[in-house]
Amino acid sequence: MSREQRFGSVWDAIEDTPQQAASMRARSALMMELENTIKRRGMNQAEAATLFGVTQPRVSDLMRGKINIFSLDCLMDMATAAGLDPHVTFEKPTIPRKRRERDRKAA
């Protein structure tokens, strides 16, 4: 009989630790919002780079979803430079941490 595991997000399923998953969730959300901002404002990559205070190749990396090369700090800085108001919220996990860790070890 197979045992189905449930995860709060894709990052919980693929990252090794809850800390890594949390970082990836935050970076992913910031990257998506920055990409949406570029599209909503009808900017090209050079204009977005000027607004964000980075280079055009950096914006290209953002648009391509290269999440592993962006730190949370960098993305927060870019969002703030774009006039966004990023903030952190805290929620209790849907699956208790002990059970999540036990299930991960059993897999």
Protein backbone atom coordinates (compact mmCIF):
# COMPACT_ATOMS: atom_id res chain seq x y z
CA MET A 1 0.00 0.00 0.00
CA SER A 2 1.45 3.37 -0.97
CA ARG A 3 1.44 6.16 1.55
CA GLU A 4 0.56 9.55 0.09
CA GLN A 5 2.46 12.54 1.43
CA ARG A 6 0.94 16.00 1.46
CA PHE A 7 2.92 19.19 1.41
CA GLY A 8 2.00 22.83 1.98
CA SER A 9 3.80 23.87 -1.20
CA VAL A 10 6.00 22.48 -3.92
CA TRP A 11 8.99 23.92 -2.05
CA ASP A 12 8.16 21.82 1.02
CA ALA A 13 8.24 18.76 -1.20
CA ILE A 14 11.54 19.41 -2.96
CA GLU A 15 13.70 21.24 -0.43
CA ASP A 16 15.66 19.40 2.25
CA THR A 17 14.73 21.54 5.24
CA PRO A 18 11.80 23.73 6.31
CA GLN A 19 14.20 26.69 6.33
CA GLN A 20 15.18 26.17 2.69
CA ALA A 21 11.53 25.74 1.70
CA ALA A 22 10.55 28.98 3.46
CA SER A 23 13.33 30.89 1.69
CA MET A 24 12.32 29.50 -1.68
CA ARG A 25 8.64 30.35 -1.10
CA ALA A 26 9.54 33.95 -0.26
CA ARG A 27 11.95 34.31 -3.19
CA SER A 28 9.42 32.78 -5.57
CA ALA A 29 6.67 35.17 -4.46
CA LEU A 30 8.96 38.18 -4.83
CA MET A 31 10.17 37.11 -8.25
CA MET A 32 6.62 36.60 -9.50
CA GLU A 33 5.55 40.01 -8.20
CA LEU A 34 8.55 41.73 -9.80
CA GLU A 35 7.82 40.02 -13.11
CA ASN A 36 4.16 41.04 -12.88
CA THR A 37 5.21 44.62 -12.12
CA ILE A 38 7.37 44.72 -15.25
CA LYS A 39 4.52 43.39 -17.38
CA ARG A 40 1.83 45.65 -15.82
CA ARG A 41 3.94 48.73 -16.40
CA GLY A 42 4.83 47.66 -19.94
CA MET A 43 8.56 48.03 -19.27
CA ASN A 44 11.36 46.46 -21.21
CA GLN A 45 14.26 44.85 -19.37
CA ALA A 46 16.49 47.92 -19.59
CA GLU A 47 13.79 50.12 -18.05
CA ALA A 48 13.14 47.58 -15.31
CA ALA A 49 16.87 47.35 -14.58
CA THR A 50 17.07 51.12 -14.13
CA LEU A 51 14.03 51.11 -11.86
CA PHE A 52 15.28 48.15 -9.77
CA GLY A 53 18.86 49.41 -9.58
CA VAL A 54 20.36 46.34 -11.25
CA THR A 55 21.76 45.43 -14.66
CA GLN A 56 19.67 44.34 -17.63
CA PRO A 57 21.16 40.81 -17.57
CA ARG A 58 20.01 40.58 -13.94
CA VAL A 59 16.45 41.40 -15.02
CA SER A 60 16.78 38.78 -17.76
CA ASP A 61 17.70 36.21 -15.08
CA LEU A 62 14.66 37.30 -13.07
CA MET A 63 12.35 36.92 -16.08
CA ARG A 64 13.77 33.46 -16.78
CA GLY A 65 13.02 32.37 -13.22
CA LYS A 66 16.61 31.69 -12.16
CA ILE A 67 15.63 31.63 -8.51
CA ASN A 68 18.88 30.12 -7.19
CA ILE A 69 20.96 33.15 -8.16
CA PHE A 70 18.83 35.67 -6.23
CA SER A 71 19.08 36.22 -2.51
CA LEU A 72 16.07 37.23 -0.48
CA ASP A 73 17.81 40.52 0.34
CA CYS A 74 18.39 41.32 -3.32
CA LEU A 75 14.76 40.65 -4.23
CA MET A 76 13.48 42.72 -1.31
CA ASP A 77 15.71 45.60 -2.43
CA MET A 78 14.46 45.32 -6.02
CA ALA A 79 10.83 45.27 -4.89
CA THR A 80 11.30 48.31 -2.69
CA ALA A 81 13.09 50.18 -5.49
CA ALA A 82 10.09 49.41 -7.72
CA GLY A 83 7.82 51.14 -5.22
CA LEU A 84 6.37 47.93 -3.83
CA ASP A 85 5.90 47.38 -0.10
CA PRO A 86 7.10 43.83 0.57
CA HIS A 87 6.48 42.44 4.03
CA VAL A 88 6.76 39.17 5.89
CA THR A 89 3.82 37.33 7.41
CA PHE A 90 3.85 34.39 9.77
CA GLU A 91 1.44 31.48 9.68
CA LYS A 92 1.29 28.21 11.53
CA PRO A 93 2.09 25.27 9.23
CA THR A 94 -0.85 23.13 8.16
CA ILE A 95 1.14 20.00 8.97
CA PRO A 96 2.91 20.02 12.35
CA ARG A 97 6.70 20.21 11.96
CA LYS A 98 7.37 16.96 13.90
CA ARG A 99 5.00 15.01 11.67
CA ARG A 100 6.43 16.66 8.54
CA GLU A 101 9.98 15.70 9.57
CA ARG A 102 8.91 12.17 10.50
CA ASP A 103 7.14 11.71 7.15
CA ARG A 104 10.16 13.05 5.25
CA LYS A 105 12.49 10.57 7.01
CA ALA A 106 10.14 7.67 6.27
CA ALA A 107 10.08 8.48 2.52
